[in-house]
Amino acid sequence: MAGQRAAKTNQRHPHVPKETIASRDKGKRKADKPAEERVLSKRTKFNPVSIRDFECLRTLGEGGFAKVLLVRPKLSGMVTRSKRENRLYAMKVLRQDIMSMSHRADFFAEMRTLSNLPWNPFIAGFVNTFHDEINMYLLLELIPYRHLLSRLFLAPKNTLESNTALFYTANIVCAIAFLHNHGVVHCDIKPENILIGADGYLALADFGMAKTEKNLTPRDVWAGYGTTMYRAIELQGGRNNPPDMRTAKCIDWWSLGCIVYEMHTGEPAWEGGEDDKVVMESILRGTKEMKWPTGEYIPTELRRFITSLLTPDPIDRLGVNGANEIKQHEWLSDYPWSTIMKRTAQAPWIPERRNITDVPHTRPLPRPDEVPSLDIVEPPRLYQFSDIAPRDEASSL
C-alpha cells in the first residue's frame, strides 16, 4: 500500500501527488499565454466558431483596416445554440497586418467591454469573437436600419421634431446610465454610433474606445480619444484628463449635450466642420460663443440643459452625480421614464420595413486573400425582420 502511494508522488516533492504538480503546471502554462490570447480563447455561453462557419451576404461598411459584413451561420444553432435557422449578424473583420498597436488595443478593449456586459436593449449586443492568422473577428447583433446621423440627414433642415428629439435623448440617457452603472465609459458617443432598431428605439454601438475603472490610463493615452466634434473639453488639447471614474463618466454626458444641440438645431454644436483644429478652438472658447439658431424657438429649459452638459469643469457638469441628476433636470423631469425602460412607449419614427439584404453594391465584398475560407453567397431569398437574431436572444440562452 505504501509502495503504491510512493509511486504516485513526485521525487522532488514526495508529499505532493503527481496530479497536483501536473494541474499546477497546466495552470502556469495557461497563465504564460499572452493576455490577448487568453481573452480570445475564453469560453463563453456561445458555441466556439470560426470564419468557415459563416457565409457573407453583403458588406455593410468599411474603414482603413476593417470591414463590417452581413453574415449568416451555415448551420442552425452554430452561433448561439438557438434552433432558429438563418439568423443574420454583423461581423466586424479587422486585418491584423495593418492594425497599429493602438487599434489592436481598441479591438480588445471593445471585446472585453462587450463580453463582460449583461445584455441590455439600449446596447448593441456582443455575440462572439474569434481570430485566425490574418484577421480578428467580432460578431455582433444586427441592427441594420439606420443610425442617428442618417436620421438627421433625412429630417427637414436636419432638425428633429421636439418629441422625437426628447424620445431619442431619453434612449441615450438610458444607455449611458446602464454603462456607467457597470463601470464603463463609452468615450466616443456620436450620432454614427447610435443605431435605430426595428422598433424605433436606439442602441449604442462601437466600444473601441471604452474605458473601465480597471483601465483608466495616464494622460498621454487619452490624447485623441473620441471624435473631436463630440469630445469633451477636458480631452481637448493639453488640458487635464479625468483623474477618477466619477469625472471620467462626465465625458459621455458632454457628448450627449452636443447631440441634443444638433438634434434641435440641425447644426453641430461647434464651428469648424471637418477641420479638427478649428473645432477644438471653438470648444475651448466654450458655450458663451455658441451660436443658437435665429428664428427657431429653443425653450429656456432646453438651453439650460445643453449648457449644463457642456460645462467646462467636469465637477460642475450636469450628470457628475449620476443619471438621476439628468432625469431630474427641468427639461426631463416630467418625462415618463418607466415607459422607456419597459419599452412600452411608441417610438415617434419606425424604420421602413424593407428587405434587409437590399444593401447597395457600392461597397466591395471581401476578396479571398482578405478573408480566407469565407464563402460569398447571393441571398437565396428576401430576408425579413424575423430573420434577425432577436434583441433578447443573447439574454435568454
Protein backbone atom coordinates (compact mmCIF):
# COMPACT_ATOMS: atom_id res chain seq x y z
CA MET A 1 0.00 0.00 0.00
CA ALA A 2 2.80 2.35 0.94
CA GLY A 3 4.64 1.43 -2.26
CA GLN A 4 1.62 2.28 -4.36
CA ARG A 5 1.30 5.65 -2.65
CA ALA A 6 5.00 6.38 -3.21
CA ALA A 7 4.62 5.57 -6.89
CA LYS A 8 2.04 8.33 -7.22
CA THR A 9 4.21 11.02 -5.65
CA ASN A 10 6.85 13.22 -7.22
CA GLN A 11 10.51 12.53 -6.39
CA ARG A 12 11.35 16.23 -5.90
CA HIS A 13 8.18 16.81 -3.88
CA PRO A 14 7.46 13.46 -2.18
CA HIS A 15 4.50 14.84 -0.25
CA VAL A 16 2.73 16.25 -3.33
CA PRO A 17 0.86 13.87 -5.67
CA LYS A 18 1.82 13.98 -9.35
CA GLU A 19 -1.72 15.01 -10.25
CA THR A 20 -1.30 18.20 -8.22
CA ILE A 21 2.02 19.01 -9.89
CA ALA A 22 0.50 18.43 -13.33
CA SER A 23 -2.51 20.63 -12.66
CA ARG A 24 -0.23 23.36 -11.29
CA ASP A 25 1.97 23.22 -14.41
CA LYS A 26 -1.10 23.31 -16.62
CA GLY A 27 -2.31 26.45 -14.86
CA LYS A 28 1.12 28.00 -15.24
CA ARG A 29 1.19 27.28 -18.97
CA LYS A 30 -2.23 28.89 -19.31
CA ALA A 31 -1.06 31.97 -17.42
CA ASP A 32 2.02 32.22 -19.64
CA LYS A 33 -0.18 32.86 -22.68
CA PRO A 34 -0.37 36.48 -23.85
CA ALA A 35 -3.33 38.36 -22.41
CA GLU A 36 -4.82 38.76 -25.89
CA GLU A 37 -4.74 35.01 -26.50
CA ARG A 38 -6.37 34.29 -23.14
CA VAL A 39 -9.21 36.70 -23.91
CA LEU A 40 -9.75 35.33 -27.41
CA SER A 41 -9.82 31.74 -26.17
CA LYS A 42 -12.04 32.48 -23.18
CA ARG A 43 -15.10 30.24 -23.17
CA THR A 44 -18.46 31.96 -23.25
CA LYS A 45 -22.02 30.70 -23.22
CA PHE A 46 -21.87 30.73 -27.03
CA ASN A 47 -20.57 27.94 -29.19
CA PRO A 48 -16.95 28.22 -30.43
CA VAL A 49 -16.91 29.20 -34.09
CA SER A 50 -14.51 30.06 -36.91
CA ILE A 51 -14.82 32.04 -40.13
CA ARG A 52 -15.54 28.78 -42.01
CA ASP A 53 -18.85 28.57 -40.17
CA PHE A 54 -20.29 31.65 -41.92
CA GLU A 55 -21.46 32.89 -45.29
CA CYS A 56 -21.12 36.54 -46.30
CA LEU A 57 -24.10 38.24 -47.95
CA ARG A 58 -23.09 41.89 -48.11
CA THR A 59 -20.53 44.45 -46.98
CA LEU A 60 -22.28 46.85 -44.62
CA GLY A 61 -19.36 49.22 -44.06
CA GLU A 62 -15.60 49.56 -44.24
CA GLY A 63 -12.71 51.62 -42.95
CA GLY A 64 -8.95 51.75 -43.27
CA PHE A 65 -8.29 48.34 -41.75
CA ALA A 66 -11.75 46.94 -41.01
CA LYS A 67 -14.91 45.80 -42.72
CA VAL A 68 -18.36 45.16 -41.32
CA LEU A 69 -20.06 42.26 -43.07
CA LEU A 70 -23.59 40.93 -43.13
CA VAL A 71 -23.23 37.22 -42.37
CA ARG A 72 -25.27 34.16 -41.51
CA PRO A 73 -24.22 30.85 -39.93
CA LYS A 74 -24.14 27.86 -42.24
CA LEU A 75 -25.88 25.67 -39.67
CA SER A 76 -28.61 26.48 -37.17
CA GLY A 77 -27.55 26.63 -33.54
CA MET A 78 -23.92 27.14 -34.54
CA VAL A 79 -23.51 30.57 -33.00
CA THR A 80 -25.85 30.80 -30.05
CA ARG A 81 -27.21 27.27 -29.67
CA SER A 82 -30.52 28.60 -30.90
CA LYS A 83 -32.59 26.22 -33.00
CA ARG A 84 -33.86 29.09 -35.14
CA GLU A 85 -32.22 28.97 -38.56
CA ASN A 86 -30.82 31.60 -40.92
CA ARG A 87 -30.19 34.28 -38.33
CA LEU A 88 -28.29 37.29 -39.61
CA TYR A 89 -25.46 39.01 -37.77
CA ALA A 90 -22.99 41.83 -38.25
CA MET A 91 -19.34 40.77 -38.28
CA LYS A 92 -16.52 43.24 -37.76
CA VAL A 93 -13.38 41.99 -39.53
CA LEU A 94 -10.03 43.60 -38.69
CA ARG A 95 -6.80 42.91 -40.59
CA GLN A 96 -4.00 42.16 -38.17
CA ASP A 97 -1.14 43.01 -40.54
CA ILE A 98 -2.20 46.64 -40.98
CA MET A 99 -3.51 47.29 -37.48
CA SER A 100 -1.43 49.54 -35.28
CA MET A 101 -0.87 48.69 -31.64
CA SER A 102 -3.44 51.31 -30.63
CA HIS A 103 -6.04 49.81 -32.99
CA ARG A 104 -5.37 46.35 -31.60
CA ALA A 105 -5.81 47.76 -28.12
CA ASP A 106 -9.12 49.33 -29.19
CA PHE A 107 -10.32 45.98 -30.53
CA PHE A 108 -9.52 44.11 -27.34
CA ALA A 109 -10.99 46.91 -25.26
CA GLU A 110 -14.24 46.65 -27.21
CA MET A 111 -14.26 42.87 -26.92
CA ARG A 112 -13.60 42.85 -23.19
CA THR A 113 -16.17 45.57 -22.55
CA LEU A 114 -18.96 43.91 -24.52
CA SER A 115 -18.26 40.36 -23.33
CA ASN A 116 -18.40 41.44 -19.68
CA LEU A 117 -21.63 43.41 -20.00
CA PRO A 118 -25.02 41.79 -19.42
CA TRP A 119 -27.44 42.13 -22.29
CA ASN A 120 -29.35 45.40 -22.44
CA PRO A 121 -31.77 46.61 -25.14
CA PHE A 122 -30.08 50.01 -25.34
CA ILE A 123 -26.70 48.46 -26.21
CA ALA A 124 -25.79 46.73 -29.49
CA GLY A 125 -25.08 43.26 -28.16
CA PHE A 126 -21.95 41.15 -28.32
CA VAL A 127 -22.38 37.62 -29.69
CA ASN A 128 -18.97 36.02 -30.13
CA THR A 129 -15.33 36.62 -31.01
CA PHE A 130 -12.58 34.58 -32.65
CA HIS A 131 -9.46 35.06 -34.76
CA ASP A 132 -7.13 33.42 -37.24
CA GLU A 133 -3.66 34.22 -38.58
CA ILE A 134 -4.95 37.06 -40.77
CA ASN A 135 -7.94 38.68 -39.06
CA MET A 136 -9.71 39.30 -35.81
CA TYR A 137 -13.48 38.88 -35.81
CA LEU A 138 -16.17 40.40 -33.63
CA LEU A 139 -19.67 39.01 -34.12
CA LEU A 140 -22.44 41.43 -33.11
CA GLU A 141 -26.20 41.51 -33.23
CA LEU A 142 -27.52 43.08 -36.40
CA ILE A 143 -29.31 46.42 -36.19
CA PRO A 144 -29.34 47.19 -39.91
CA TYR A 145 -31.73 50.05 -40.49
CA ARG A 146 -30.20 53.44 -39.78
CA HIS A 147 -28.02 55.32 -37.36
CA LEU A 148 -28.93 58.64 -35.81
CA LEU A 149 -26.77 60.64 -38.22
CA SER A 150 -28.66 59.36 -41.27
CA ARG A 151 -31.92 60.06 -39.44
CA LEU A 152 -30.80 63.68 -39.04
CA PHE A 153 -29.91 63.89 -42.73
CA LEU A 154 -33.42 62.73 -43.65
CA ALA A 155 -35.16 65.28 -41.42
CA PRO A 156 -36.22 68.69 -42.77
CA LYS A 157 -33.37 71.15 -42.17
CA ASN A 158 -31.61 68.24 -40.40
CA THR A 159 -33.74 69.05 -37.36
CA LEU A 160 -35.92 66.60 -35.45
CA GLU A 161 -39.32 67.37 -34.03
CA SER A 162 -39.21 68.13 -30.32
CA ASN A 163 -40.99 64.92 -29.26
CA THR A 164 -38.63 62.81 -31.42
CA ALA A 165 -35.54 64.53 -30.03
CA LEU A 166 -36.87 64.08 -26.50
CA PHE A 167 -37.52 60.37 -27.10
CA TYR A 168 -34.02 59.86 -28.51
CA THR A 169 -32.48 61.79 -25.63
CA ALA A 170 -34.24 59.51 -23.14
CA ASN A 171 -32.93 56.45 -25.01
CA ILE A 172 -29.35 57.73 -24.93
CA VAL A 173 -29.63 58.58 -21.23
CA CYS A 174 -30.79 55.01 -20.51
CA ALA A 175 -27.86 53.59 -22.50
CA ILE A 176 -25.29 55.79 -20.73
CA ALA A 177 -26.83 55.09 -17.32
CA PHE A 178 -26.58 51.33 -17.93
CA LEU A 179 -22.91 51.60 -18.93
CA HIS A 180 -21.99 53.83 -16.00
CA ASN A 181 -23.77 51.52 -13.56
CA HIS A 182 -21.49 48.75 -14.83
CA GLY A 183 -18.34 50.86 -14.58
CA VAL A 184 -17.96 51.60 -18.31
CA VAL A 185 -17.40 54.96 -20.03
CA HIS A 186 -18.07 54.86 -23.78
CA CYS A 187 -15.81 57.84 -24.68
CA ASP A 188 -17.00 58.07 -28.31
CA ILE A 189 -20.73 58.75 -28.28
CA LYS A 190 -21.77 60.40 -31.55
CA PRO A 191 -24.70 60.07 -33.98
CA GLU A 192 -22.85 57.50 -36.14
CA ASN A 193 -22.50 55.19 -33.12
CA ILE A 194 -26.18 55.32 -32.19
CA LEU A 195 -28.25 52.77 -34.12
CA ILE A 196 -32.01 52.75 -34.68
CA GLY A 197 -33.64 49.35 -34.25
CA ALA A 198 -36.69 47.87 -35.93
CA ASP A 199 -38.92 49.17 -33.11
CA GLY A 200 -37.60 52.73 -33.42
CA TYR A 201 -35.62 52.57 -30.17
CA LEU A 202 -31.91 53.39 -30.08
CA ALA A 203 -28.93 51.16 -29.30
CA LEU A 204 -25.42 52.40 -28.57
CA ALA A 205 -22.62 50.72 -30.54
CA ASP A 206 -18.84 50.78 -31.17
CA PHE A 207 -16.98 50.33 -27.88
CA GLY A 208 -13.46 50.52 -29.30
CA MET A 209 -12.57 53.49 -27.07
CA ALA A 210 -14.49 52.44 -23.97
CA LYS A 211 -12.84 52.78 -20.58
CA THR A 212 -13.47 50.89 -17.38
CA GLU A 213 -12.38 51.63 -13.85
CA LYS A 214 -9.70 48.97 -14.20
CA ASN A 215 -8.11 50.53 -17.28
CA LEU A 216 -8.16 54.25 -16.53
CA THR A 217 -4.86 55.26 -18.07
CA PRO A 218 -2.29 58.06 -17.88
CA ARG A 219 -2.79 61.33 -19.65
CA ASP A 220 -0.85 60.58 -22.85
CA VAL A 221 -3.04 57.54 -23.65
CA TRP A 222 -6.19 59.69 -23.61
CA ALA A 223 -4.82 62.02 -26.29
CA GLY A 224 -7.05 61.91 -29.37
CA TYR A 225 -9.77 59.86 -27.68
CA GLY A 226 -13.19 60.21 -29.27
CA THR A 227 -14.33 62.31 -32.22
CA THR A 228 -13.29 65.96 -31.95
CA MET A 229 -16.78 67.41 -32.51
CA TYR A 230 -18.19 65.35 -29.60
CA ARG A 231 -15.05 65.02 -27.46
CA ALA A 232 -15.25 66.55 -24.00
CA ILE A 233 -13.30 69.72 -23.39
CA GLU A 234 -11.08 68.02 -20.80
CA LEU A 235 -9.75 65.76 -23.56
CA GLN A 236 -9.02 68.62 -25.97
CA GLY A 237 -5.51 69.97 -26.50
CA GLY A 238 -3.25 69.98 -23.47
CA ARG A 239 -5.96 70.01 -20.84
CA ASN A 240 -6.02 67.64 -17.89
CA ASN A 241 -7.57 64.21 -18.21
CA PRO A 242 -10.19 62.87 -15.78
CA PRO A 243 -8.48 61.81 -12.54
CA ASP A 244 -11.09 59.24 -11.49
CA MET A 245 -14.10 57.29 -12.70
CA ARG A 246 -16.61 59.84 -11.40
CA THR A 247 -15.27 62.62 -13.60
CA ALA A 248 -14.47 60.22 -16.46
CA LYS A 249 -18.19 59.43 -16.75
CA CYS A 250 -18.80 63.12 -17.45
CA ILE A 251 -17.16 62.59 -20.86
CA ASP A 252 -20.29 60.78 -22.05
CA TRP A 253 -22.62 63.46 -20.67
CA TRP A 254 -20.69 66.11 -22.62
CA SER A 255 -21.24 64.12 -25.82
CA LEU A 256 -24.95 63.93 -25.02
CA GLY A 257 -25.07 67.73 -24.82
CA CYS A 258 -23.52 68.02 -28.29
CA ILE A 259 -26.03 65.54 -29.74
CA VAL A 260 -29.07 67.19 -28.12
CA TYR A 261 -27.97 70.55 -29.55
CA GLU A 262 -27.60 69.00 -33.01
CA MET A 263 -30.99 67.28 -32.92
CA HIS A 264 -32.76 70.56 -32.13
CA THR A 265 -30.79 72.94 -34.34
CA GLY A 266 -29.70 70.83 -37.30
CA GLU A 267 -26.12 72.05 -36.87
CA PRO A 268 -23.10 70.76 -34.91
CA ALA A 269 -22.62 72.41 -31.55
CA TRP A 270 -19.19 73.78 -32.52
CA GLU A 271 -17.81 75.64 -35.51
CA GLY A 272 -15.15 74.18 -37.77
CA GLY A 273 -16.80 71.38 -39.70
CA GLU A 274 -14.15 68.81 -40.65
CA ASP A 275 -11.25 70.99 -39.53
CA ASP A 276 -10.39 69.45 -36.16
CA LYS A 277 -8.14 72.35 -35.17
CA VAL A 278 -10.90 74.92 -35.67
CA VAL A 279 -13.41 72.68 -33.88
CA MET A 280 -11.04 72.32 -30.93
CA GLU A 281 -10.55 76.09 -30.73
CA SER A 282 -14.32 76.57 -30.78
CA ILE A 283 -14.78 74.06 -27.95
CA LEU A 284 -12.07 75.69 -25.86
CA ARG A 285 -13.84 79.05 -26.19
CA GLY A 286 -16.87 77.47 -24.52
CA THR A 287 -20.64 77.83 -24.72
CA LYS A 288 -20.57 81.62 -24.33
CA GLU A 289 -19.74 81.88 -28.03
CA MET A 290 -22.06 79.04 -29.07
CA LYS A 291 -24.38 80.21 -31.84
CA TRP A 292 -28.06 79.46 -31.33
CA PRO A 293 -30.19 79.44 -34.50
CA THR A 294 -32.14 82.60 -35.18
CA GLY A 295 -35.83 82.29 -35.93
CA GLU A 296 -36.04 78.93 -34.16
CA TYR A 297 -37.67 78.65 -30.76
CA ILE A 298 -35.42 76.88 -28.28
CA PRO A 299 -37.07 76.60 -24.83
CA THR A 300 -35.12 78.17 -21.99
CA GLU A 301 -35.05 74.92 -20.00
CA LEU A 302 -33.61 73.11 -23.05
CA ARG A 303 -30.86 75.72 -23.41
CA ARG A 304 -30.00 75.33 -19.74
CA PHE A 305 -29.95 71.54 -20.14
CA ILE A 306 -27.48 71.73 -23.04
CA THR A 307 -25.19 74.32 -21.45
CA SER A 308 -25.19 72.38 -18.17
CA LEU A 309 -23.95 69.30 -20.05
CA LEU A 310 -21.28 71.40 -21.78
CA THR A 311 -19.87 72.91 -18.59
CA PRO A 312 -16.04 73.02 -18.90
CA ASP A 313 -15.28 71.67 -15.41
CA PRO A 314 -16.49 68.04 -15.09
CA ILE A 315 -17.06 68.53 -11.36
CA ASP A 316 -19.71 71.16 -12.18
CA ARG A 317 -21.18 69.32 -15.17
CA LEU A 318 -24.73 68.01 -15.15
CA GLY A 319 -24.55 64.25 -14.61
CA VAL A 320 -21.48 64.21 -12.36
CA ASN A 321 -23.72 62.80 -9.61
CA GLY A 322 -25.25 60.14 -11.85
CA ALA A 323 -28.04 59.67 -14.37
CA ASN A 324 -30.77 60.61 -11.89
CA GLU A 325 -29.39 64.13 -11.95
CA ILE A 326 -30.01 64.17 -15.71
CA LYS A 327 -33.53 62.75 -15.36
CA GLN A 328 -34.46 65.30 -12.69
CA HIS A 329 -33.46 68.31 -14.78
CA GLU A 330 -36.38 70.63 -15.51
CA TRP A 331 -36.36 69.72 -19.21
CA LEU A 332 -36.72 65.98 -18.48
CA SER A 333 -38.29 65.83 -15.03
CA ASP A 334 -41.83 65.19 -16.33
CA TYR A 335 -40.78 62.57 -18.86
CA PRO A 336 -42.38 59.10 -18.38
CA TRP A 337 -39.11 57.22 -17.85
CA SER A 338 -40.78 53.94 -16.94
CA THR A 339 -42.33 53.69 -20.42
CA ILE A 340 -38.86 53.98 -21.96
CA MET A 341 -37.29 51.43 -19.63
CA LYS A 342 -40.15 48.98 -20.24
CA ARG A 343 -40.19 49.93 -23.95
CA THR A 344 -43.94 50.43 -23.93
CA ALA A 345 -43.77 53.96 -25.34
CA GLN A 346 -44.47 54.18 -29.06
CA ALA A 347 -41.40 55.38 -30.95
CA PRO A 348 -42.13 58.54 -32.97
CA TRP A 349 -40.42 57.10 -36.06
CA ILE A 350 -40.24 53.47 -37.23
CA PRO A 351 -37.75 52.43 -39.94
CA GLU A 352 -39.23 51.31 -43.23
CA ARG A 353 -39.66 47.55 -43.31
CA ARG A 354 -37.58 46.77 -46.35
CA ASN A 355 -35.59 43.77 -47.47
CA ILE A 356 -32.65 43.57 -45.07
CA THR A 357 -30.21 42.37 -47.73
CA ASP A 358 -31.15 45.22 -50.05
CA VAL A 359 -27.83 46.97 -49.50
CA PRO A 360 -26.39 48.91 -52.46
CA HIS A 361 -23.38 47.20 -54.05
CA THR A 362 -21.25 50.32 -53.69
CA ARG A 363 -19.05 48.61 -51.10
CA PRO A 364 -16.89 45.78 -52.44
CA LEU A 365 -17.20 42.32 -50.97
CA PRO A 366 -14.08 40.96 -49.24
CA ARG A 367 -11.50 39.35 -51.52
CA PRO A 368 -10.41 35.74 -50.88
CA ASP A 369 -6.99 36.93 -49.70
CA GLU A 370 -8.62 39.34 -47.23
CA VAL A 371 -10.88 36.82 -45.51
CA PRO A 372 -9.80 33.28 -46.47
CA SER A 373 -12.30 30.45 -46.06
CA LEU A 374 -15.28 32.83 -46.06
CA ASP A 375 -17.94 31.86 -48.59
CA ILE A 376 -19.55 34.73 -50.52
CA VAL A 377 -23.13 33.93 -51.49
CA GLU A 378 -26.04 35.69 -53.09
CA PRO A 379 -29.04 35.73 -50.75
CA PRO A 380 -31.32 32.89 -51.90
CA ARG A 381 -34.41 34.75 -50.74
CA LEU A 382 -35.59 38.01 -49.27
CA TYR A 383 -34.72 38.26 -45.60
CA GLN A 384 -37.32 39.81 -43.36
CA PHE A 385 -37.38 41.21 -39.82
CA SER A 386 -37.88 37.73 -38.36
CA ASP A 387 -34.51 36.68 -39.77
CA ILE A 388 -32.58 38.98 -37.44
CA ALA A 389 -31.41 37.41 -34.21
CA PRO A 390 -33.89 38.71 -31.60
CA ARG A 391 -32.63 41.60 -29.45
CA ASP A 392 -33.12 39.49 -26.32
CA GLU A 393 -31.84 36.17 -27.70
CA ALA A 394 -28.45 36.52 -26.03
CA SER A 395 -30.01 37.08 -22.63
CA SER A 396 -32.32 34.08 -22.88
CA LEU A 397 -29.67 31.42 -23.55
